[in-house]
PDB file of N, CA and C in Angstrom:
ATOM      1  N   MET A   1       8.206  -3.934   0.122  1.00  0.00           N
ATOM      2  CA  MET A   1       8.290  -3.284   1.404  1.00  0.00           C
ATOM      3  C   MET A   1       9.750  -3.275   1.825  1.00  0.00           C
ATOM      4  N   HIS A   2      10.229  -2.132   2.255  1.00  0.00           N
ATOM      5  CA  HIS A   2      11.604  -1.977   2.716  1.00  0.00           C
ATOM      6  C   HIS A   2      11.569  -1.869   4.241  1.00  0.00           C
ATOM      7  N   VAL A   3      12.049  -2.900   4.939  1.00  0.00           N
ATOM      8  CA  VAL A   3      11.926  -2.981   6.391  1.00  0.00           C
ATOM      9  C   VAL A   3      12.769  -1.928   7.096  1.00  0.00           C
ATOM     10  N   ILE A   4      14.016  -1.760   6.703  1.00  0.00           N
ATOM     11  CA  ILE A   4      14.905  -0.818   7.393  1.00  0.00           C
ATOM     12  C   ILE A   4      14.359   0.606   7.315  1.00  0.00           C
ATOM     13  N   THR A   5      13.926   1.032   6.143  1.00  0.00           N
ATOM     14  CA  THR A   5      13.420   2.394   5.988  1.00  0.00           C
ATOM     15  C   THR A   5      11.932   2.495   6.295  1.00  0.00           C
ATOM     16  N   SER A   6      11.280   1.372   6.536  1.00  0.00           N
ATOM     17  CA  SER A   6       9.837   1.326   6.799  1.00  0.00           C
ATOM     18  C   SER A   6       9.057   2.057   5.710  1.00  0.00           C
ATOM     19  N   ARG A   7       9.308   1.664   4.482  1.00  0.00           N
ATOM     20  CA  ARG A   7       8.636   2.264   3.327  1.00  0.00           C
ATOM     21  C   ARG A   7       8.084   1.162   2.430  1.00  0.00           C
ATOM     22  N   ALA A   8       7.027   1.493   1.704  1.00  0.00           N
ATOM     23  CA  ALA A   8       6.438   0.549   0.750  1.00  0.00           C
ATOM     24  C   ALA A   8       6.134   1.292  -0.540  1.00  0.00           C
ATOM     25  N   GLU A   9       6.265   0.586  -1.652  1.00  0.00           N
ATOM     26  CA  GLU A   9       5.862   1.157  -2.931  1.00  0.00           C
ATOM     27  C   GLU A   9       4.976   0.143  -3.637  1.00  0.00           C
ATOM     28  N   PHE A  10       4.061   0.665  -4.443  1.00  0.00           N
ATOM     29  CA  PHE A  10       3.054  -0.163  -5.084  1.00  0.00           C
ATOM     30  C   PHE A  10       3.045   0.095  -6.582  1.00  0.00           C
ATOM     31  N   THR A  11       2.810  -0.951  -7.353  1.00  0.00           N
ATOM     32  CA  THR A  11       2.627  -0.814  -8.792  1.00  0.00           C
ATOM     33  C   THR A  11       1.138  -0.651  -9.047  1.00  0.00           C
ATOM     34  N   LEU A  12       0.787   0.413  -9.754  1.00  0.00           N
ATOM     35  CA  LEU A  12      -0.612   0.725 -10.030  1.00  0.00           C
ATOM     36  C   LEU A  12      -0.892   0.615 -11.523  1.00  0.00           C
ATOM     37  N   SER A  13      -2.104   0.220 -11.847  1.00  0.00           N
ATOM     38  CA  SER A  13      -2.551   0.159 -13.234  1.00  0.00           C
ATOM     39  C   SER A  13      -3.798   1.020 -13.363  1.00  0.00           C
ATOM     40  N   SER A  14      -3.673   2.133 -14.059  1.00  0.00           N
ATOM     41  CA  SER A  14      -4.808   3.036 -14.224  1.00  0.00           C
ATOM     42  C   SER A  14      -5.803   2.462 -15.228  1.00  0.00           C
ATOM     43  N   PRO A  15      -7.092   2.500 -14.895  1.00  0.00           N
ATOM     44  CA  PRO A  15      -8.099   2.003 -15.840  1.00  0.00           C
ATOM     45  C   PRO A  15      -8.457   3.030 -16.917  1.00  0.00           C
ATOM     46  N   PHE A  16      -7.903   4.238 -16.808  1.00  0.00           N
ATOM     47  CA  PHE A  16      -8.248   5.305 -17.747  1.00  0.00           C
ATOM     48  C   PHE A  16      -7.119   5.523 -18.749  1.00  0.00           C
ATOM     49  N   PRO A  17      -7.375   5.298 -20.041  1.00  0.00           N
ATOM     50  CA  PRO A  17      -6.302   5.394 -21.032  1.00  0.00           C
ATOM     51  C   PRO A  17      -5.832   6.820 -21.325  1.00  0.00           C
ATOM     52  N   ASN A  18      -6.651   7.835 -21.019  1.00  0.00           N
ATOM     53  CA  ASN A  18      -6.293   9.211 -21.380  1.00  0.00           C
ATOM     54  C   ASN A  18      -6.413  10.202 -20.233  1.00  0.00           C
ATOM     55  N   THR A  19      -6.581   9.713 -19.011  1.00  0.00           N
ATOM     56  CA  THR A  19      -6.828  10.605 -17.879  1.00  0.00           C
ATOM     57  C   THR A  19      -5.885  10.282 -16.731  1.00  0.00           C
ATOM     58  N   THR A  20      -5.317  11.324 -16.146  1.00  0.00           N
ATOM     59  CA  THR A  20      -4.476  11.156 -14.967  1.00  0.00           C
ATOM     60  C   THR A  20      -5.352  11.205 -13.719  1.00  0.00           C
ATOM     61  N   ILE A  21      -5.107  10.286 -12.802  1.00  0.00           N
ATOM     62  CA  ILE A  21      -5.810  10.235 -11.523  1.00  0.00           C
ATOM     63  C   ILE A  21      -4.874  10.815 -10.469  1.00  0.00           C
ATOM     64  N   ASP A  22      -5.411  11.604  -9.559  1.00  0.00           N
ATOM     65  CA  ASP A  22      -4.614  12.084  -8.432  1.00  0.00           C
ATOM     66  C   ASP A  22      -5.037  11.339  -7.177  1.00  0.00           C
ATOM     67  N   ILE A  23      -4.070  10.760  -6.493  1.00  0.00           N
ATOM     68  CA  ILE A  23      -4.310  10.149  -5.189  1.00  0.00           C
ATOM     69  C   ILE A  23      -4.051  11.251  -4.170  1.00  0.00           C
ATOM     70  N   THR A  24      -5.061  11.589  -3.373  1.00  0.00           N
ATOM     71  CA  THR A  24      -4.931  12.702  -2.432  1.00  0.00           C
ATOM     72  C   THR A  24      -4.595  12.255  -1.017  1.00  0.00           C
ATOM     73  N   SER A  25      -4.897  11.003  -0.686  1.00  0.00           N
ATOM     74  CA  SER A  25      -4.567  10.479   0.643  1.00  0.00           C
ATOM     75  C   SER A  25      -4.687   8.961   0.638  1.00  0.00           C
ATOM     76  N   ILE A  26      -3.961   8.338   1.565  1.00  0.00           N
ATOM     77  CA  ILE A  26      -4.052   6.884   1.749  1.00  0.00           C
ATOM     78  C   ILE A  26      -4.027   6.595   3.249  1.00  0.00           C
ATOM     79  N   HIS A  27      -5.026   5.864   3.707  1.00  0.00           N
ATOM     80  CA  HIS A  27      -5.079   5.356   5.081  1.00  0.00           C
ATOM     81  C   HIS A  27      -5.271   3.851   4.940  1.00  0.00           C
ATOM     82  N   ALA A  28      -4.243   3.069   5.277  1.00  0.00           N
ATOM     83  CA  ALA A  28      -4.296   1.637   4.995  1.00  0.00           C
ATOM     84  C   ALA A  28      -3.716   0.809   6.131  1.00  0.00           C
ATOM     85  N   GLN A  29      -4.209  -0.419   6.222  1.00  0.00           N
ATOM     86  CA  GLN A  29      -3.680  -1.403   7.154  1.00  0.00           C
ATOM     87  C   GLN A  29      -3.396  -2.682   6.374  1.00  0.00           C
ATOM     88  N   ALA A  30      -2.249  -3.298   6.672  1.00  0.00           N
ATOM     89  CA  ALA A  30      -1.895  -4.577   6.056  1.00  0.00           C
ATOM     90  C   ALA A  30      -1.931  -5.652   7.132  1.00  0.00           C
ATOM     91  N   TYR A  31      -2.439  -6.827   6.751  1.00  0.00           N
ATOM     92  CA  TYR A  31      -2.614  -7.919   7.704  1.00  0.00           C
ATOM     93  C   TYR A  31      -1.971  -9.195   7.192  1.00  0.00           C
ATOM     94  N   TYR A  32      -1.410  -9.947   8.128  1.00  0.00           N
ATOM     95  CA  TYR A  32      -0.916 -11.290   7.857  1.00  0.00           C
ATOM     96  C   TYR A  32      -1.979 -12.252   8.361  1.00  0.00           C
ATOM     97  N   GLU A  33      -2.322 -13.230   7.557  1.00  0.00           N
ATOM     98  CA  GLU A  33      -3.382 -14.192   7.881  1.00  0.00           C
ATOM     99  C   GLU A  33      -4.686 -13.485   8.242  1.00  0.00           C
ATOM    100  N   GLU A  34      -4.946 -12.361   7.597  1.00  0.00           N
ATOM    101  CA  GLU A  34      -6.184 -11.587   7.665  1.00  0.00           C
ATOM    102  C   GLU A  34      -6.519 -11.007   9.034  1.00  0.00           C
ATOM    103  N   GLU A  35      -5.724 -11.283  10.063  1.00  0.00           N
ATOM    104  CA  GLU A  35      -6.050 -10.779  11.398  1.00  0.00           C
ATOM    105  C   GLU A  35      -4.897 -10.082  12.095  1.00  0.00           C
ATOM    106  N   GLU A  36      -3.665 -10.461  11.781  1.00  0.00           N
ATOM    107  CA  GLU A  36      -2.500  -9.922  12.476  1.00  0.00           C
ATOM    108  C   GLU A  36      -1.975  -8.702  11.729  1.00  0.00           C
ATOM    109  N   GLU A  37      -2.169  -7.514  12.311  1.00  0.00           N
ATOM    110  CA  GLU A  37      -1.725  -6.293  11.640  1.00  0.00           C
ATOM    111  C   GLU A  37      -0.204  -6.257  11.547  1.00  0.00           C
ATOM    112  N   VAL A  38       0.282  -6.014  10.332  1.00  0.00           N
ATOM    113  CA  VAL A  38       1.719  -5.939  10.076  1.00  0.00           C
ATOM    114  C   VAL A  38       2.172  -4.482  10.020  1.00  0.00           C
ATOM    115  N   GLY A  39       1.316  -3.607   9.499  1.00  0.00           N
ATOM    116  CA  GLY A  39       1.694  -2.206   9.400  1.00  0.00           C
ATOM    117  C   GLY A  39       0.553  -1.342   8.912  1.00  0.00           C
ATOM    118  N   THR A  40       0.757  -0.027   9.048  1.00  0.00           N
ATOM    119  CA  THR A  40      -0.238   0.935   8.589  1.00  0.00           C
ATOM    120  C   THR A  40       0.443   2.032   7.774  1.00  0.00           C
ATOM    121  N   ILE A  41      -0.337   2.613   6.883  1.00  0.00           N
ATOM    122  CA  ILE A  41       0.110   3.762   6.096  1.00  0.00           C
ATOM    123  C   ILE A  41      -0.894   4.882   6.321  1.00  0.00           C
ATOM    124  N   ASP A  42      -0.388   6.063   6.631  1.00  0.00           N
ATOM    125  CA  ASP A  42      -1.212   7.266   6.736  1.00  0.00           C
ATOM    126  C   ASP A  42      -0.472   8.342   5.946  1.00  0.00           C
ATOM    127  N   TYR A  43      -0.871   8.523   4.686  1.00  0.00           N
ATOM    128  CA  TYR A  43      -0.121   9.372   3.752  1.00  0.00           C
ATOM    129  C   TYR A  43      -1.032  10.465   3.219  1.00  0.00           C
ATOM    130  N   GLN A  44      -0.607  11.712   3.350  1.00  0.00           N
ATOM    131  CA  GLN A  44      -1.435  12.856   2.983  1.00  0.00           C
ATOM    132  C   GLN A  44      -0.859  13.704   1.847  1.00  0.00           C
ATOM    133  N   ILE A  45       0.215  13.270   1.217  1.00  0.00           N
ATOM    134  CA  ILE A  45       0.834  14.062   0.150  1.00  0.00           C
ATOM    135  C   ILE A  45       0.311  13.559  -1.199  1.00  0.00           C
ATOM    136  N   PRO A  46      -0.402  14.406  -1.949  1.00  0.00           N
ATOM    137  CA  PRO A  46      -0.966  13.957  -3.227  1.00  0.00           C
ATOM    138  C   PRO A  46       0.118  13.552  -4.234  1.00  0.00           C
ATOM    139  N   PHE A  47      -0.230  12.575  -5.074  1.00  0.00           N
ATOM    140  CA  PHE A  47       0.633  12.192  -6.190  1.00  0.00           C
ATOM    141  C   PHE A  47      -0.250  11.752  -7.350  1.00  0.00           C
ATOM    142  N   SER A  48       0.301  11.836  -8.550  1.00  0.00           N
ATOM    143  CA  SER A  48      -0.464  11.533  -9.761  1.00  0.00           C
ATOM    144  C   SER A  48      -0.227  10.108 -10.226  1.00  0.00           C
ATOM    145  N   VAL A  49      -1.277   9.528 -10.804  1.00  0.00           N
ATOM    146  CA  VAL A  49      -1.210   8.206 -11.417  1.00  0.00           C
ATOM    147  C   VAL A  49      -1.544   8.400 -12.896  1.00  0.00           C
ATOM    148  N   PRO A  50      -0.531   8.369 -13.761  1.00  0.00           N
ATOM    149  CA  PRO A  50      -0.782   8.576 -15.189  1.00  0.00           C
ATOM    150  C   PRO A  50      -1.430   7.339 -15.815  1.00  0.00           C
ATOM    151  N   PRO A  51      -1.940   7.475 -17.039  1.00  0.00           N
ATOM    152  CA  PRO A  51      -2.476   6.299 -17.733  1.00  0.00           C
ATOM    153  C   PRO A  51      -1.413   5.197 -17.829  1.00  0.00           C
ATOM    154  N   GLY A  52      -1.869   3.952 -17.772  1.00  0.00           N
ATOM    155  CA  GLY A  52      -0.950   2.816 -17.878  1.00  0.00           C
ATOM    156  C   GLY A  52      -0.457   2.354 -16.522  1.00  0.00           C
ATOM    157  N   ILE A  53       0.726   1.776 -16.508  1.00  0.00           N
ATOM    158  CA  ILE A  53       1.336   1.223 -15.294  1.00  0.00           C
ATOM    159  C   ILE A  53       2.291   2.256 -14.706  1.00  0.00           C
ATOM    160  N   SER A  54       2.222   2.438 -13.385  1.00  0.00           N
ATOM    161  CA  SER A  54       3.141   3.356 -12.709  1.00  0.00           C
ATOM    162  C   SER A  54       3.441   2.828 -11.311  1.00  0.00           C
ATOM    163  N   VAL A  55       4.427   3.432 -10.669  1.00  0.00           N
ATOM    164  CA  VAL A  55       4.824   3.045  -9.315  1.00  0.00           C
ATOM    165  C   VAL A  55       4.621   4.248  -8.400  1.00  0.00           C
ATOM    166  N   THR A  56       4.075   3.998  -7.221  1.00  0.00           N
ATOM    167  CA  THR A  56       3.859   5.075  -6.256  1.00  0.00           C
ATOM    168  C   THR A  56       5.197   5.561  -5.711  1.00  0.00           C
ATOM    169  N   PRO A  57       5.185   6.735  -5.084  1.00  0.00           N
ATOM    170  CA  PRO A  57       6.361   7.100  -4.290  1.00  0.00           C
ATOM    171  C   PRO A  57       6.512   6.074  -3.162  1.00  0.00           C
ATOM    172  N   ARG A  58       7.675   6.033  -2.532  1.00  0.00           N
ATOM    173  CA  ARG A  58       7.842   5.157  -1.367  1.00  0.00           C
ATOM    174  C   ARG A  58       7.047   5.756  -0.214  1.00  0.00           C
ATOM    175  N   LEU A  59       6.048   5.018   0.228  1.00  0.00           N
ATOM    176  CA  LEU A  59       5.139   5.499   1.264  1.00  0.00           C
ATOM    177  C   LEU A  59       5.620   5.041   2.637  1.00  0.00           C
ATOM    178  N   PRO A  60       5.608   5.932   3.634  1.00  0.00           N
ATOM    179  CA  PRO A  60       6.048   5.536   4.973  1.00  0.00           C
ATOM    180  C   PRO A  60       5.071   4.548   5.611  1.00  0.00           C
ATOM    181  N   VAL A  61       5.629   3.513   6.227  1.00  0.00           N
ATOM    182  CA  VAL A  61       4.833   2.476   6.879  1.00  0.00           C
ATOM    183  C   VAL A  61       5.184   2.446   8.362  1.00  0.00           C
ATOM    184  N   ALA A  62       4.159   2.466   9.207  1.00  0.00           N
ATOM    185  CA  ALA A  62       4.361   2.245  10.641  1.00  0.00           C
ATOM    186  C   ALA A  62       4.239   0.739  10.856  1.00  0.00           C
ATOM    187  N   LEU A  63       5.379   0.073  11.031  1.00  0.00           N
ATOM    188  CA  LEU A  63       5.386  -1.382  11.176  1.00  0.00           C
ATOM    189  C   LEU A  63       4.988  -1.793  12.586  1.00  0.00           C
ATOM    190  N   ASN A  64       4.261  -2.894  12.668  1.00  0.00           N
ATOM    191  CA  ASN A  64       3.915  -3.505  13.943  1.00  0.00           C
ATOM    192  C   ASN A  64       4.732  -4.789  14.029  1.00  0.00           C
ATOM    193  N   MET A  65       5.870  -4.719  14.694  1.00  0.00           N
ATOM    194  CA  MET A  65       6.781  -5.863  14.727  1.00  0.00           C
ATOM    195  C   MET A  65       6.457  -6.849  15.848  1.00  0.00           C
ATOM    196  N   GLY A  66       5.431  -6.592  16.619  1.00  0.00           N
ATOM    197  CA  GLY A  66       5.036  -7.516  17.675  1.00  0.00           C
ATOM    198  C   GLY A  66       4.106  -8.591  17.141  1.00  0.00           C
ATOM    199  N   GLY A  67       4.025  -9.687  17.837  1.00  0.00           N
ATOM    200  CA  GLY A  67       3.066 -10.735  17.510  1.00  0.00           C
ATOM    201  C   GLY A  67       3.435 -11.565  16.297  1.00  0.00           C
ATOM    202  N   ILE A  68       2.457 -12.333  15.842  1.00  0.00           N
ATOM    203  CA  ILE A  68       2.645 -13.266  14.730  1.00  0.00           C
ATOM    204  C   ILE A  68       2.983 -12.536  13.434  1.00  0.00           C
ATOM    205  N   GLY A  69       2.340 -11.389  13.183  1.00  0.00           N
ATOM    206  CA  GLY A  69       2.607 -10.625  11.963  1.00  0.00           C
ATOM    207  C   GLY A  69       4.044 -10.143  11.891  1.00  0.00           C
ATOM    208  N   GLY A  70       4.577  -9.664  13.014  1.00  0.00           N
ATOM    209  CA  GLY A  70       5.967  -9.216  13.056  1.00  0.00           C
ATOM    210  C   GLY A  70       6.938 -10.364  12.837  1.00  0.00           C
ATOM    211  N   ASP A  71       6.642 -11.518  13.437  1.00  0.00           N
ATOM    212  CA  ASP A  71       7.482 -12.707  13.232  1.00  0.00           C
ATOM    213  C   ASP A  71       7.490 -13.101  11.757  1.00  0.00           C
ATOM    214  N   ALA A  72       6.313 -13.102  11.143  1.00  0.00           N
ATOM    215  CA  ALA A  72       6.213 -13.469   9.726  1.00  0.00           C
ATOM    216  C   ALA A  72       6.988 -12.480   8.862  1.00  0.00           C
ATOM    217  N   LEU A  73       6.916 -11.198   9.193  1.00  0.00           N
ATOM    218  CA  LEU A  73       7.634 -10.173   8.438  1.00  0.00           C
ATOM    219  C   LEU A  73       9.143 -10.380   8.544  1.00  0.00           C
ATOM    220  N   ARG A  74       9.641 -10.634   9.745  1.00  0.00           N
ATOM    221  CA  ARG A  74      11.085 -10.874   9.927  1.00  0.00           C
ATOM    222  C   ARG A  74      11.546 -12.100   9.137  1.00  0.00           C
ATOM    223  N   LYS A  75      10.759 -13.163   9.160  1.00  0.00           N
ATOM    224  CA  LYS A  75      11.126 -14.394   8.446  1.00  0.00           C
ATOM    225  C   LYS A  75      11.079 -14.216   6.932  1.00  0.00           C
ATOM    226  N   ALA A  76      10.290 -13.246   6.462  1.00  0.00           N
ATOM    227  CA  ALA A  76      10.127 -13.045   5.019  1.00  0.00           C
ATOM    228  C   ALA A  76      11.196 -12.138   4.411  1.00  0.00           C
ATOM    229  N   ILE A  77      12.074 -11.558   5.216  1.00  0.00           N
ATOM    230  CA  ILE A  77      13.092 -10.643   4.679  1.00  0.00           C
ATOM    231  C   ILE A  77      13.912 -11.363   3.614  1.00  0.00           C
ATOM    232  N   GLY A  78      14.002 -10.741   2.458  1.00  0.00           N
ATOM    233  CA  GLY A  78      14.693 -11.331   1.320  1.00  0.00           C
ATOM    234  C   GLY A  78      13.789 -12.199   0.465  1.00  0.00           C
ATOM    235  N   GLY A  79      12.543 -12.335   0.863  1.00  0.00           N
ATOM    236  CA  GLY A  79      11.585 -13.159   0.124  1.00  0.00           C
ATOM    237  C   GLY A  79      10.259 -12.434  -0.029  1.00  0.00           C
ATOM    238  N   THR A  80       9.182 -13.180   0.113  1.00  0.00           N
ATOM    239  CA  THR A  80       7.851 -12.599  -0.047  1.00  0.00           C
ATOM    240  C   THR A  80       6.968 -12.957   1.142  1.00  0.00           C
ATOM    241  N   LEU A  81       5.886 -12.201   1.276  1.00  0.00           N
ATOM    242  CA  LEU A  81       4.911 -12.430   2.336  1.00  0.00           C
ATOM    243  C   LEU A  81       3.534 -12.151   1.761  1.00  0.00           C
ATOM    244  N   ASP A  82       2.606 -13.083   1.944  1.00  0.00           N
ATOM    245  CA  ASP A  82       1.234 -12.886   1.474  1.00  0.00           C
ATOM    246  C   ASP A  82       0.452 -12.107   2.524  1.00  0.00           C
ATOM    247  N   LEU A  83      -0.160 -11.013   2.085  1.00  0.00           N
ATOM    248  CA  LEU A  83      -0.881 -10.121   2.980  1.00  0.00           C
ATOM    249  C   LEU A  83      -2.287  -9.857   2.470  1.00  0.00           C
ATOM    250  N   SER A  84      -3.113  -9.345   3.351  1.00  0.00           N
ATOM    251  CA  SER A  84      -4.387  -8.755   2.949  1.00  0.00           C
ATOM    252  C   SER A  84      -4.326  -7.298   3.390  1.00  0.00           C
ATOM    253  N   ALA A  85      -5.200  -6.475   2.841  1.00  0.00           N
ATOM    254  CA  ALA A  85      -5.151  -5.051   3.162  1.00  0.00           C
ATOM    255  C   ALA A  85      -6.533  -4.433   3.086  1.00  0.00           C
ATOM    256  N   VAL A  86      -6.695  -3.384   3.876  1.00  0.00           N
ATOM    257  CA  VAL A  86      -7.878  -2.537   3.813  1.00  0.00           C
ATOM    258  C   VAL A  86      -7.357  -1.112   3.716  1.00  0.00           C
ATOM    259  N   ALA A  87      -7.875  -0.355   2.754  1.00  0.00           N
ATOM    260  CA  ALA A  87      -7.398   1.017   2.572  1.00  0.00           C
ATOM    261  C   ALA A  87      -8.541   1.941   2.202  1.00  0.00           C
ATOM    262  N   LYS A  88      -8.467   3.154   2.705  1.00  0.00           N
ATOM    263  CA  LYS A  88      -9.341   4.236   2.251  1.00  0.00           C
ATOM    264  C   LYS A  88      -8.441   5.187   1.487  1.00  0.00           C
ATOM    265  N   VAL A  89      -8.750   5.351   0.199  1.00  0.00           N
ATOM    266  CA  VAL A  89      -7.896   6.118  -0.701  1.00  0.00           C
ATOM    267  C   VAL A  89      -8.669   7.314  -1.235  1.00  0.00           C
ATOM    268  N   GLY A  90      -8.122   8.504  -1.022  1.00  0.00           N
ATOM    269  CA  GLY A  90      -8.704   9.712  -1.595  1.00  0.00           C
ATOM    270  C   GLY A  90      -8.295   9.814  -3.049  1.00  0.00           C
ATOM    271  N   VAL A  91      -9.279   9.979  -3.936  1.00  0.00           N
ATOM    272  CA  VAL A  91      -9.039  10.011  -5.376  1.00  0.00           C
ATOM    273  C   VAL A  91      -9.647  11.284  -5.954  1.00  0.00           C
ATOM    274  N   GLN A  92      -8.919  11.903  -6.881  1.00  0.00           N
ATOM    275  CA  GLN A  92      -9.458  13.062  -7.584  1.00  0.00           C
ATOM    276  C   GLN A  92      -9.187  12.906  -9.071  1.00  0.00           C
ATOM    277  N   ILE A  93     -10.238  13.115  -9.866  1.00  0.00           N
ATOM    278  CA  ILE A  93     -10.129  13.146 -11.324  1.00  0.00           C
ATOM    279  C   ILE A  93     -10.734  14.477 -11.754  1.00  0.00           C
ATOM    280  N   GLU A  94      -9.865  15.365 -12.199  1.00  0.00           N
ATOM    281  CA  GLU A  94     -10.242  16.743 -12.515  1.00  0.00           C
ATOM    282  C   GLU A  94     -10.933  17.366 -11.302  1.00  0.00           C
ATOM    283  N   HIS A  95     -12.232  17.704 -11.372  1.00  0.00           N
ATOM    284  CA  HIS A  95     -12.914  18.357 -10.253  1.00  0.00           C
ATOM    285  C   HIS A  95     -13.707  17.380  -9.387  1.00  0.00           C
ATOM    286  N   TYR A  96     -13.675  16.110  -9.728  1.00  0.00           N
ATOM    287  CA  TYR A  96     -14.430  15.097  -8.992  1.00  0.00           C
ATOM    288  C   TYR A  96     -13.541  14.466  -7.924  1.00  0.00           C
ATOM    289  N   ARG A  97     -14.009  14.462  -6.671  1.00  0.00           N
ATOM    290  CA  ARG A  97     -13.281  13.845  -5.554  1.00  0.00           C
ATOM    291  C   ARG A  97     -14.136  12.762  -4.916  1.00  0.00           C
ATOM    292  N   GLU A  98     -13.467  11.697  -4.507  1.00  0.00           N
ATOM    293  CA  GLU A  98     -14.172  10.597  -3.850  1.00  0.00           C
ATOM    294  C   GLU A  98     -13.185   9.849  -2.963  1.00  0.00           C
ATOM    295  N   THR A  99     -13.710   9.172  -1.953  1.00  0.00           N
ATOM    296  CA  THR A  99     -12.905   8.257  -1.150  1.00  0.00           C
ATOM    297  C   THR A  99     -13.319   6.844  -1.521  1.00  0.00           C
ATOM    298  N   VAL A 100     -12.345   6.050  -1.903  1.00  0.00           N
ATOM    299  CA  VAL A 100     -12.585   4.675  -2.327  1.00  0.00           C
ATOM    300  C   VAL A 100     -12.063   3.746  -1.237  1.00  0.00           C
ATOM    301  N   THR A 101     -12.867   2.760  -0.860  1.00  0.00           N
ATOM    302  CA  THR A 101     -12.422   1.759   0.107  1.00  0.00           C
ATOM    303  C   THR A 101     -11.992   0.515  -0.653  1.00  0.00           C
ATOM    304  N   TYR A 102     -10.773   0.074  -0.376  1.00  0.00           N
ATOM    305  CA  TYR A 102     -10.185  -1.082  -1.049  1.00  0.00           C
ATOM    306  C   TYR A 102     -10.015  -2.215  -0.041  1.00  0.00           C
ATOM    307  N   HIS A 103     -10.457  -3.407  -0.415  1.00  0.00           N
ATOM    308  CA  HIS A 103     -10.230  -4.622   0.373  1.00  0.00           C
ATOM    309  C   HIS A 103      -9.481  -5.591  -0.539  1.00  0.00           C
ATOM    310  N   GLY A 104      -8.285  -5.978  -0.152  1.00  0.00           N
ATOM    311  CA  GLY A 104      -7.503  -6.882  -0.986  1.00  0.00           C
ATOM    312  C   GLY A 104      -7.010  -8.083  -0.205  1.00  0.00           C
ATOM    313  N   LYS A 105      -6.972  -9.232  -0.870  1.00  0.00           N
ATOM    314  CA  LYS A 105      -6.443 -10.466  -0.280  1.00  0.00           C
ATOM    315  C   LYS A 105      -5.440 -11.061  -1.254  1.00  0.00           C
ATOM    316  N   GLY A 106      -4.536 -11.864  -0.732  1.00  0.00           N
ATOM    317  CA  GLY A 106      -3.570 -12.538  -1.590  1.00  0.00           C
ATOM    318  C   GLY A 106      -2.573 -11.582  -2.220  1.00  0.00           C
ATOM    319  N   ILE A 107      -2.238 -10.515  -1.512  1.00  0.00           N
ATOM    320  CA  ILE A 107      -1.271  -9.539  -2.006  1.00  0.00           C
ATOM    321  C   ILE A 107       0.124 -10.058  -1.658  1.00  0.00           C
ATOM    322  N   THR A 108       0.950 -10.266  -2.662  1.00  0.00           N
ATOM    323  CA  THR A 108       2.302 -10.760  -2.425  1.00  0.00           C
ATOM    324  C   THR A 108       3.247  -9.575  -2.292  1.00  0.00           C
ATOM    325  N   ALA A 109       3.793  -9.407  -1.100  1.00  0.00           N
ATOM    326  CA  ALA A 109       4.735  -8.318  -0.836  1.00  0.00           C
ATOM    327  C   ALA A 109       6.154  -8.867  -0.869  1.00  0.00           C
ATOM    328  N   ARG A 110       7.014  -8.215  -1.650  1.00  0.00           N
ATOM    329  CA  ARG A 110       8.442  -8.543  -1.607  1.00  0.00           C
ATOM    330  C   ARG A 110       9.032  -7.775  -0.433  1.00  0.00           C
ATOM    331  N   VAL A 111       9.680  -8.477   0.466  1.00  0.00           N
ATOM    332  CA  VAL A 111      10.206  -7.866   1.689  1.00  0.00           C
ATOM    333  C   VAL A 111      11.714  -7.714   1.546  1.00  0.00           C
ATOM    334  N   LYS A 112      12.163  -6.454   1.593  1.00  0.00           N
ATOM    335  CA  LYS A 112      13.589  -6.147   1.431  1.00  0.00           C
ATOM    336  C   LYS A 112      14.104  -5.479   2.691  1.00  0.00           C
ATOM    337  N   TRP A 113      15.426  -5.549   2.865  1.00  0.00           N
ATOM    338  CA  TRP A 113      16.044  -4.801   3.955  1.00  0.00           C
ATOM    339  C   TRP A 113      15.878  -3.370   3.626  1.00  0.00           C
TER     340      TRP A 113
END
């Protein structure tokens, strides 16, 4: 996560060895200590996830710098912060479209200026 530019990028691992997945949208919230919202992503520009490991474009993040989550984010600059997240991700594989809901815990975010 890049605090100054309010952007985040993610490393993805495609489960399909021969098929490209298209991400059509992302609506996500990140939480510190599972309750304190740190930021949200609302991204509508499609991008492709090729087979194997890839990195997303830098996604814009609306940071919530108030409260305990904001304090934790400021203290983590130059280090890491453990987060949880909930996301609704639009996915397309050829002509098949679906919205996938992701719940993640123990996500280690590297926090950079």
